[in-house]
Amino acid sequence: ALVYGNAHFLRPCSAPAPRPFPRLSFYGADLLRGADGRWHVLADRCGGANGVGFAAENRTLLGRILPEAFRAMQVRPLRPFFDNWLGGLQAMAPEGVDNPRIALLTPGVRQETWLEHLFLSRELGLELVEPGDLTVRGGAVFLKTLRGLRRVDVMLRRVKGEQCDPLEFSTGSGVPGLMGALREGAVRMVNAPGSMAAEAPALAPYLAAAAFDLFGEELLLPQVETVWLGDDAARARVQAT
């Protein structure tokens, strides 16, 4: 019920891939410090963690407005994070690609996070593209330019998963054939469509057991206590309080 009832569970994304590809490469979390002084995870961000660009831009603006305060507090720069992030994107290139072309896939200027997309593309040195700028030819993804087609090897996805490929999803928008290129390993996507299903709050009660079952390890950061009321025992516990 938690999987198939999830609005972000996209059935085409569960189709077998001839070449397995990373589904979740970039992860974010909302944190809070509990009464015990430890950090706890309040929410998981698996679809596409927003806010990184806004944080960097805020740092830049505050550094100009309050330079003395920044120097006194020794605020750590975010530049190393962006360098590592770009290195991670480059390392995801398909096999045999030494100098990958990386693009940030955005819905366009009407998206509320458009300014962050613009900033990230500039900060990371990525092509800023919309679905209409791309085409799939021969199983590979290409950017349409005035000088012809330019192959795209890695994409930082900022469009909804169900808006990636009109051939496989019912929204009617996206790049026809994109999911096929992803399954064949011709392009890598961060994060892959369907990854947002993993951030469902109802999964939180089971993450600790899943981590131990899959990896034999405890969670490094505990979750904020969460119960799913679809479970009879959890519902009875809540009703008794």
C-alpha atoms as a PDB file:
ATOM      1  CA  ALA A   1       0.000   0.000   0.000  1.00  0.00           C
ATOM      2  CA  LEU A   2       2.860   2.405   0.755  1.00  0.00           C
ATOM      3  CA  VAL A   3       4.455   1.776  -2.632  1.00  0.00           C
ATOM      4  CA  TYR A   4       1.556   1.497  -5.067  1.00  0.00           C
ATOM      5  CA  GLY A   5      -0.458   4.157  -3.253  1.00  0.00           C
ATOM      6  CA  ASN A   6       2.380   6.663  -3.549  1.00  0.00           C
ATOM      7  CA  ALA A   7       1.584   9.398  -6.082  1.00  0.00           C
ATOM      8  CA  HIS A   8       5.293   9.529  -6.958  1.00  0.00           C
ATOM      9  CA  PHE A   9       5.554   5.811  -7.718  1.00  0.00           C
ATOM     10  CA  LEU A  10       6.003   5.822 -11.506  1.00  0.00           C
ATOM     11  CA  ARG A  11       5.422   2.364 -12.930  1.00  0.00           C
ATOM     12  CA  PRO A  12       7.500   2.901 -16.131  1.00  0.00           C
ATOM     13  CA  CYS A  13      10.515   3.582 -13.901  1.00  0.00           C
ATOM     14  CA  SER A  14      10.367   0.030 -12.542  1.00  0.00           C
ATOM     15  CA  ALA A  15      10.861  -1.500 -15.993  1.00  0.00           C
ATOM     16  CA  PRO A  16      14.015  -3.646 -16.305  1.00  0.00           C
ATOM     17  CA  ALA A  17      17.069  -1.804 -17.603  1.00  0.00           C
ATOM     18  CA  PRO A  18      19.513  -3.651 -19.897  1.00  0.00           C
ATOM     19  CA  ARG A  19      22.266  -1.610 -18.253  1.00  0.00           C
ATOM     20  CA  PRO A  20      21.624  -0.870 -14.556  1.00  0.00           C
ATOM     21  CA  PHE A  21      22.041   2.806 -13.713  1.00  0.00           C
ATOM     22  CA  PRO A  22      22.189   4.801 -10.463  1.00  0.00           C
ATOM     23  CA  ARG A  23      18.705   5.821  -9.361  1.00  0.00           C
ATOM     24  CA  LEU A  24      19.575   8.065  -6.411  1.00  0.00           C
ATOM     25  CA  SER A  25      22.840   9.997  -6.557  1.00  0.00           C
ATOM     26  CA  PHE A  26      22.051  13.274  -4.811  1.00  0.00           C
ATOM     27  CA  TYR A  27      20.299  13.303  -1.450  1.00  0.00           C
ATOM     28  CA  GLY A  28      19.283  16.040   0.953  1.00  0.00           C
ATOM     29  CA  ALA A  29      17.641  16.043   4.378  1.00  0.00           C
ATOM     30  CA  ASP A  30      15.776  18.424   6.633  1.00  0.00           C
ATOM     31  CA  LEU A  31      17.433  18.219  10.063  1.00  0.00           C
ATOM     32  CA  LEU A  32      16.559  19.276  13.575  1.00  0.00           C
ATOM     33  CA  ARG A  33      18.378  18.965  16.860  1.00  0.00           C
ATOM     34  CA  GLY A  34      16.473  16.990  19.462  1.00  0.00           C
ATOM     35  CA  ALA A  35      16.276  17.431  23.209  1.00  0.00           C
ATOM     36  CA  ASP A  36      19.124  14.911  23.523  1.00  0.00           C
ATOM     37  CA  GLY A  37      21.411  17.239  21.544  1.00  0.00           C
ATOM     38  CA  ARG A  38      21.622  14.866  18.563  1.00  0.00           C
ATOM     39  CA  TRP A  39      20.674  15.681  15.015  1.00  0.00           C
ATOM     40  CA  HIS A  40      17.578  13.917  13.690  1.00  0.00           C
ATOM     41  CA  VAL A  41      16.285  13.596  10.134  1.00  0.00           C
ATOM     42  CA  LEU A  42      12.923  15.290   9.804  1.00  0.00           C
ATOM     43  CA  ALA A  43      12.382  14.660   6.073  1.00  0.00           C
ATOM     44  CA  ASP A  44      14.234  13.048   3.174  1.00  0.00           C
ATOM     45  CA  ARG A  45      14.727  14.878  -0.138  1.00  0.00           C
ATOM     46  CA  CYS A  46      15.294  12.352  -2.911  1.00  0.00           C
ATOM     47  CA  GLY A  47      13.592  13.773  -5.989  1.00  0.00           C
ATOM     48  CA  GLY A  48      15.832  16.825  -6.350  1.00  0.00           C
ATOM     49  CA  ALA A  49      16.997  18.612  -3.231  1.00  0.00           C
ATOM     50  CA  ASN A  50      16.291  22.302  -3.798  1.00  0.00           C
ATOM     51  CA  GLY A  51      17.878  25.148  -1.881  1.00  0.00           C
ATOM     52  CA  VAL A  52      21.587  24.616  -2.596  1.00  0.00           C
ATOM     53  CA  GLY A  53      21.677  27.490  -5.052  1.00  0.00           C
ATOM     54  CA  PHE A  54      19.677  29.761  -2.786  1.00  0.00           C
ATOM     55  CA  ALA A  55      22.027  29.027   0.108  1.00  0.00           C
ATOM     56  CA  ALA A  56      25.095  29.928  -1.965  1.00  0.00           C
ATOM     57  CA  GLU A  57      23.502  33.086  -3.323  1.00  0.00           C
ATOM     58  CA  ASN A  58      22.448  34.163   0.178  1.00  0.00           C
ATOM     59  CA  ARG A  59      26.012  33.640   1.369  1.00  0.00           C
ATOM     60  CA  THR A  60      27.289  35.862  -1.429  1.00  0.00           C
ATOM     61  CA  LEU A  61      24.807  38.651  -0.720  1.00  0.00           C
ATOM     62  CA  LEU A  62      25.306  38.580   3.041  1.00  0.00           C
ATOM     63  CA  GLY A  63      29.061  38.580   2.536  1.00  0.00           C
ATOM     64  CA  ARG A  64      28.730  41.862   0.663  1.00  0.00           C
ATOM     65  CA  ILE A  65      26.295  43.445   3.111  1.00  0.00           C
ATOM     66  CA  LEU A  66      27.874  42.215   6.360  1.00  0.00           C
ATOM     67  CA  PRO A  67      31.534  41.530   5.528  1.00  0.00           C
ATOM     68  CA  GLU A  68      32.740  42.174   9.098  1.00  0.00           C
ATOM     69  CA  ALA A  69      30.280  39.683  10.566  1.00  0.00           C
ATOM     70  CA  PHE A  70      31.304  37.032   8.025  1.00  0.00           C
ATOM     71  CA  ARG A  71      34.979  37.449   8.802  1.00  0.00           C
ATOM     72  CA  ALA A  72      34.370  37.396  12.557  1.00  0.00           C
ATOM     73  CA  MET A  73      32.268  34.202  12.391  1.00  0.00           C
ATOM     74  CA  GLN A  74      34.639  32.442   9.964  1.00  0.00           C
ATOM     75  CA  VAL A  75      31.802  31.164   7.774  1.00  0.00           C
ATOM     76  CA  ARG A  76      32.944  28.203   5.731  1.00  0.00           C
ATOM     77  CA  PRO A  77      32.799  28.694   1.937  1.00  0.00           C
ATOM     78  CA  LEU A  78      30.511  26.519  -0.164  1.00  0.00           C
ATOM     79  CA  ARG A  79      32.882  26.421  -3.136  1.00  0.00           C
ATOM     80  CA  PRO A  80      34.397  23.030  -2.170  1.00  0.00           C
ATOM     81  CA  PHE A  81      30.909  21.540  -2.121  1.00  0.00           C
ATOM     82  CA  PHE A  82      30.205  22.703  -5.669  1.00  0.00           C
ATOM     83  CA  ASP A  83      33.594  21.436  -6.855  1.00  0.00           C
ATOM     84  CA  ASN A  84      32.902  17.997  -5.368  1.00  0.00           C
ATOM     85  CA  TRP A  85      29.389  17.998  -6.812  1.00  0.00           C
ATOM     86  CA  LEU A  86      30.671  18.793 -10.300  1.00  0.00           C
ATOM     87  CA  GLY A  87      33.315  16.089  -9.945  1.00  0.00           C
ATOM     88  CA  GLY A  88      30.597  13.611  -8.998  1.00  0.00           C
ATOM     89  CA  LEU A  89      28.515  14.546 -12.034  1.00  0.00           C
ATOM     90  CA  GLN A  90      31.513  14.126 -14.333  1.00  0.00           C
ATOM     91  CA  ALA A  91      32.292  10.731 -12.806  1.00  0.00           C
ATOM     92  CA  MET A  92      28.779   9.541 -13.680  1.00  0.00           C
ATOM     93  CA  ALA A  93      29.381   9.835 -17.434  1.00  0.00           C
ATOM     94  CA  PRO A  94      28.581   6.741 -19.512  1.00  0.00           C
ATOM     95  CA  GLU A  95      31.408   4.317 -20.104  1.00  0.00           C
ATOM     96  CA  GLY A  96      33.934   5.544 -22.642  1.00  0.00           C
ATOM     97  CA  VAL A  97      33.084   9.254 -22.268  1.00  0.00           C
ATOM     98  CA  ASP A  98      36.103  11.194 -20.982  1.00  0.00           C
ATOM     99  CA  ASN A  99      34.843  14.774 -21.314  1.00  0.00           C
ATOM    100  CA  PRO A 100      31.099  14.592 -20.651  1.00  0.00           C
ATOM    101  CA  ARG A 101      28.654  17.317 -21.614  1.00  0.00           C
ATOM    102  CA  ILE A 102      26.456  17.991 -18.589  1.00  0.00           C
ATOM    103  CA  ALA A 103      23.120  19.810 -18.688  1.00  0.00           C
ATOM    104  CA  LEU A 104      20.644  21.057 -16.109  1.00  0.00           C
ATOM    105  CA  LEU A 105      17.138  20.132 -17.246  1.00  0.00           C
ATOM    106  CA  THR A 106      14.654  22.812 -16.138  1.00  0.00           C
ATOM    107  CA  PRO A 107      10.918  23.312 -16.801  1.00  0.00           C
ATOM    108  CA  GLY A 108      11.654  26.925 -17.726  1.00  0.00           C
ATOM    109  CA  VAL A 109      11.214  30.463 -16.469  1.00  0.00           C
ATOM    110  CA  ARG A 110       7.730  29.868 -15.044  1.00  0.00           C
ATOM    111  CA  GLN A 111       9.068  27.439 -12.457  1.00  0.00           C
ATOM    112  CA  GLU A 112       9.286  29.019  -8.984  1.00  0.00           C
ATOM    113  CA  THR A 113      12.833  27.731  -8.579  1.00  0.00           C
ATOM    114  CA  TRP A 114      14.004  29.088 -11.953  1.00  0.00           C
ATOM    115  CA  LEU A 115      16.456  31.512 -10.365  1.00  0.00           C
ATOM    116  CA  GLU A 116      18.143  28.646  -8.549  1.00  0.00           C
ATOM    117  CA  HIS A 117      18.379  26.662 -11.788  1.00  0.00           C
ATOM    118  CA  LEU A 118      19.998  29.665 -13.426  1.00  0.00           C
ATOM    119  CA  PHE A 119      22.453  30.067 -10.565  1.00  0.00           C
ATOM    120  CA  LEU A 120      23.356  26.363 -10.410  1.00  0.00           C
ATOM    121  CA  SER A 121      23.983  26.155 -14.142  1.00  0.00           C
ATOM    122  CA  ARG A 122      26.350  29.121 -13.866  1.00  0.00           C
ATOM    123  CA  GLU A 123      28.036  27.921 -10.674  1.00  0.00           C
ATOM    124  CA  LEU A 124      28.597  24.386 -11.978  1.00  0.00           C
ATOM    125  CA  GLY A 125      29.255  25.337 -15.588  1.00  0.00           C
ATOM    126  CA  LEU A 126      26.320  23.333 -16.992  1.00  0.00           C
ATOM    127  CA  GLU A 127      24.175  23.790 -20.079  1.00  0.00           C
ATOM    128  CA  LEU A 128      20.765  25.146 -18.994  1.00  0.00           C
ATOM    129  CA  VAL A 129      18.187  23.345 -21.151  1.00  0.00           C
ATOM    130  CA  GLU A 130      14.449  22.814 -21.358  1.00  0.00           C
ATOM    131  CA  PRO A 131      12.821  19.622 -22.689  1.00  0.00           C
ATOM    132  CA  GLY A 132      12.178  21.275 -26.054  1.00  0.00           C
ATOM    133  CA  ASP A 133      15.911  21.874 -26.472  1.00  0.00           C
ATOM    134  CA  LEU A 134      16.636  18.136 -26.464  1.00  0.00           C
ATOM    135  CA  THR A 135      16.042  15.274 -28.859  1.00  0.00           C
ATOM    136  CA  VAL A 136      16.773  11.552 -28.840  1.00  0.00           C
ATOM    137  CA  ARG A 137      18.505  10.143 -31.910  1.00  0.00           C
ATOM    138  CA  GLY A 138      19.843   6.627 -32.217  1.00  0.00           C
ATOM    139  CA  GLY A 139      19.200   5.959 -28.539  1.00  0.00           C
ATOM    140  CA  ALA A 140      21.310   8.947 -27.362  1.00  0.00           C
ATOM    141  CA  VAL A 141      20.264  12.387 -26.115  1.00  0.00           C
ATOM    142  CA  PHE A 142      21.313  15.493 -28.023  1.00  0.00           C
ATOM    143  CA  LEU A 143      21.087  19.239 -27.458  1.00  0.00           C
ATOM    144  CA  LYS A 144      19.801  21.165 -30.475  1.00  0.00           C
ATOM    145  CA  THR A 145      22.103  24.102 -31.281  1.00  0.00           C
ATOM    146  CA  LEU A 146      22.631  26.445 -34.220  1.00  0.00           C
ATOM    147  CA  ARG A 147      25.750  24.431 -35.041  1.00  0.00           C
ATOM    148  CA  GLY A 148      23.942  21.122 -35.027  1.00  0.00           C
ATOM    149  CA  LEU A 149      23.306  18.416 -32.468  1.00  0.00           C
ATOM    150  CA  ARG A 150      25.565  18.134 -29.404  1.00  0.00           C
ATOM    151  CA  ARG A 151      25.386  14.955 -27.343  1.00  0.00           C
ATOM    152  CA  VAL A 152      24.396  15.240 -23.671  1.00  0.00           C
ATOM    153  CA  ASP A 153      25.934  12.629 -21.362  1.00  0.00           C
ATOM    154  CA  VAL A 154      24.730  13.629 -17.878  1.00  0.00           C
ATOM    155  CA  MET A 155      21.658  15.592 -16.790  1.00  0.00           C
ATOM    156  CA  LEU A 156      20.892  17.263 -13.500  1.00  0.00           C
ATOM    157  CA  ARG A 157      17.120  16.858 -13.482  1.00  0.00           C
ATOM    158  CA  ARG A 158      14.913  19.653 -12.198  1.00  0.00           C
ATOM    159  CA  VAL A 159      11.679  18.614 -13.908  1.00  0.00           C
ATOM    160  CA  LYS A 160       9.168  16.220 -12.414  1.00  0.00           C
ATOM    161  CA  GLY A 161       9.772  12.573 -13.215  1.00  0.00           C
ATOM    162  CA  GLU A 162       6.412  12.207 -14.933  1.00  0.00           C
ATOM    163  CA  GLN A 163       7.282  15.141 -17.218  1.00  0.00           C
ATOM    164  CA  CYS A 164      10.425  13.526 -18.647  1.00  0.00           C
ATOM    165  CA  ASP A 165       9.080  11.396 -21.480  1.00  0.00           C
ATOM    166  CA  PRO A 166       5.626  11.702 -23.112  1.00  0.00           C
ATOM    167  CA  LEU A 167       6.006   8.214 -24.616  1.00  0.00           C
ATOM    168  CA  GLU A 168       5.920   6.587 -21.185  1.00  0.00           C
ATOM    169  CA  PHE A 169       4.032   9.035 -18.989  1.00  0.00           C
ATOM    170  CA  SER A 170       0.607  10.565 -19.472  1.00  0.00           C
ATOM    171  CA  THR A 171       1.537  14.229 -18.991  1.00  0.00           C
ATOM    172  CA  GLY A 172       2.282  14.802 -22.675  1.00  0.00           C
ATOM    173  CA  SER A 173       5.458  16.771 -21.960  1.00  0.00           C
ATOM    174  CA  GLY A 174       9.153  15.965 -21.911  1.00  0.00           C
ATOM    175  CA  VAL A 175      11.683  14.475 -24.321  1.00  0.00           C
ATOM    176  CA  PRO A 176      10.329  11.532 -26.372  1.00  0.00           C
ATOM    177  CA  GLY A 177      12.576   8.511 -25.895  1.00  0.00           C
ATOM    178  CA  LEU A 178      14.445   9.884 -22.867  1.00  0.00           C
ATOM    179  CA  MET A 179      13.568   6.942 -20.617  1.00  0.00           C
ATOM    180  CA  GLY A 180      14.770   4.489 -23.245  1.00  0.00           C
ATOM    181  CA  ALA A 181      18.114   6.309 -23.492  1.00  0.00           C
ATOM    182  CA  LEU A 182      18.393   6.238 -19.706  1.00  0.00           C
ATOM    183  CA  ARG A 183      17.758   2.493 -19.511  1.00  0.00           C
ATOM    184  CA  GLU A 184      20.281   1.783 -22.270  1.00  0.00           C
ATOM    185  CA  GLY A 185      22.969   3.717 -20.423  1.00  0.00           C
ATOM    186  CA  ALA A 186      23.394   6.380 -23.123  1.00  0.00           C
ATOM    187  CA  VAL A 187      22.714   9.143 -20.601  1.00  0.00           C
ATOM    188  CA  ARG A 188      22.843   9.481 -16.820  1.00  0.00           C
ATOM    189  CA  MET A 189      20.314  11.461 -14.812  1.00  0.00           C
ATOM    190  CA  VAL A 190      20.538  12.951 -11.319  1.00  0.00           C
ATOM    191  CA  ASN A 191      18.259  11.895  -9.831  1.00  0.00           C
ATOM    192  CA  ALA A 192      16.512   9.312 -11.992  1.00  0.00           C
ATOM    193  CA  PRO A 193      12.727   9.670 -12.462  1.00  0.00           C
ATOM    194  CA  GLY A 194      10.820   7.840  -9.748  1.00  0.00           C
ATOM    195  CA  SER A 195      13.367   8.599  -7.032  1.00  0.00           C
ATOM    196  CA  MET A 196      10.923  10.958  -5.313  1.00  0.00           C
ATOM    197  CA  ALA A 197       8.914   7.928  -4.171  1.00  0.00           C
ATOM    198  CA  ALA A 198      11.661   7.180  -1.648  1.00  0.00           C
ATOM    199  CA  GLU A 199      11.015  10.386   0.295  1.00  0.00           C
ATOM    200  CA  ALA A 200       7.453   9.453   1.281  1.00  0.00           C
ATOM    201  CA  PRO A 201       7.048  10.279   5.015  1.00  0.00           C
ATOM    202  CA  ALA A 202       5.157   7.013   5.556  1.00  0.00           C
ATOM    203  CA  LEU A 203       8.368   5.076   4.793  1.00  0.00           C
ATOM    204  CA  ALA A 204      10.222   6.711   7.696  1.00  0.00           C
ATOM    205  CA  PRO A 205       9.109   4.175  10.346  1.00  0.00           C
ATOM    206  CA  TYR A 206      10.728   1.380   8.345  1.00  0.00           C
ATOM    207  CA  LEU A 207      14.026   2.974   7.257  1.00  0.00           C
ATOM    208  CA  ALA A 208      16.016   1.844  10.295  1.00  0.00           C
ATOM    209  CA  ALA A 209      15.001  -1.794   9.774  1.00  0.00           C
ATOM    210  CA  ALA A 210      15.589  -1.506   6.019  1.00  0.00           C
ATOM    211  CA  ALA A 211      19.114  -0.118   6.546  1.00  0.00           C
ATOM    212  CA  PHE A 212      19.990  -2.976   8.865  1.00  0.00           C
ATOM    213  CA  ASP A 213      18.466  -5.586   6.553  1.00  0.00           C
ATOM    214  CA  LEU A 214      20.161  -4.242   3.401  1.00  0.00           C
ATOM    215  CA  PHE A 215      23.529  -3.125   4.773  1.00  0.00           C
ATOM    216  CA  GLY A 216      23.793  -4.629   8.258  1.00  0.00           C
ATOM    217  CA  GLU A 217      24.249  -1.109   9.666  1.00  0.00           C
ATOM    218  CA  GLU A 218      22.321   1.285  11.854  1.00  0.00           C
ATOM    219  CA  LEU A 219      21.274   4.666  10.483  1.00  0.00           C
ATOM    220  CA  LEU A 220      24.012   7.243  11.113  1.00  0.00           C
ATOM    221  CA  LEU A 221      21.352   9.855  11.861  1.00  0.00           C
ATOM    222  CA  PRO A 222      18.140   8.741  13.574  1.00  0.00           C
ATOM    223  CA  GLN A 223      14.766   9.653  12.113  1.00  0.00           C
ATOM    224  CA  VAL A 224      12.302  11.793  14.011  1.00  0.00           C
ATOM    225  CA  GLU A 225       9.815   9.322  15.457  1.00  0.00           C
ATOM    226  CA  THR A 226       7.175   8.733  12.803  1.00  0.00           C
ATOM    227  CA  VAL A 227       4.257   6.305  12.670  1.00  0.00           C
ATOM    228  CA  TRP A 228       2.137   5.208   9.740  1.00  0.00           C
ATOM    229  CA  LEU A 229      -1.513   5.010  10.720  1.00  0.00           C
ATOM    230  CA  GLY A 230      -2.147   2.332   8.122  1.00  0.00           C
ATOM    231  CA  ASP A 231      -0.460  -0.062  10.547  1.00  0.00           C
ATOM    232  CA  ASP A 232      -2.916  -1.467  13.110  1.00  0.00           C
ATOM    233  CA  ALA A 233      -0.474  -1.397  16.030  1.00  0.00           C
ATOM    234  CA  ALA A 234       0.647   2.152  15.288  1.00  0.00           C
ATOM    235  CA  ARG A 235      -2.931   3.354  14.955  1.00  0.00           C
ATOM    236  CA  ALA A 236      -3.929   1.746  18.264  1.00  0.00           C
ATOM    237  CA  ARG A 237      -0.935   3.376  19.969  1.00  0.00           C
ATOM    238  CA  VAL A 238      -1.926   6.833  18.689  1.00  0.00           C
ATOM    239  CA  GLN A 239      -5.571   6.356  19.634  1.00  0.00           C
ATOM    240  CA  ALA A 240      -4.537   5.379  23.164  1.00  0.00           C
ATOM    241  CA  THR A 241      -2.649   8.643  23.751  1.00  0.00           C
END
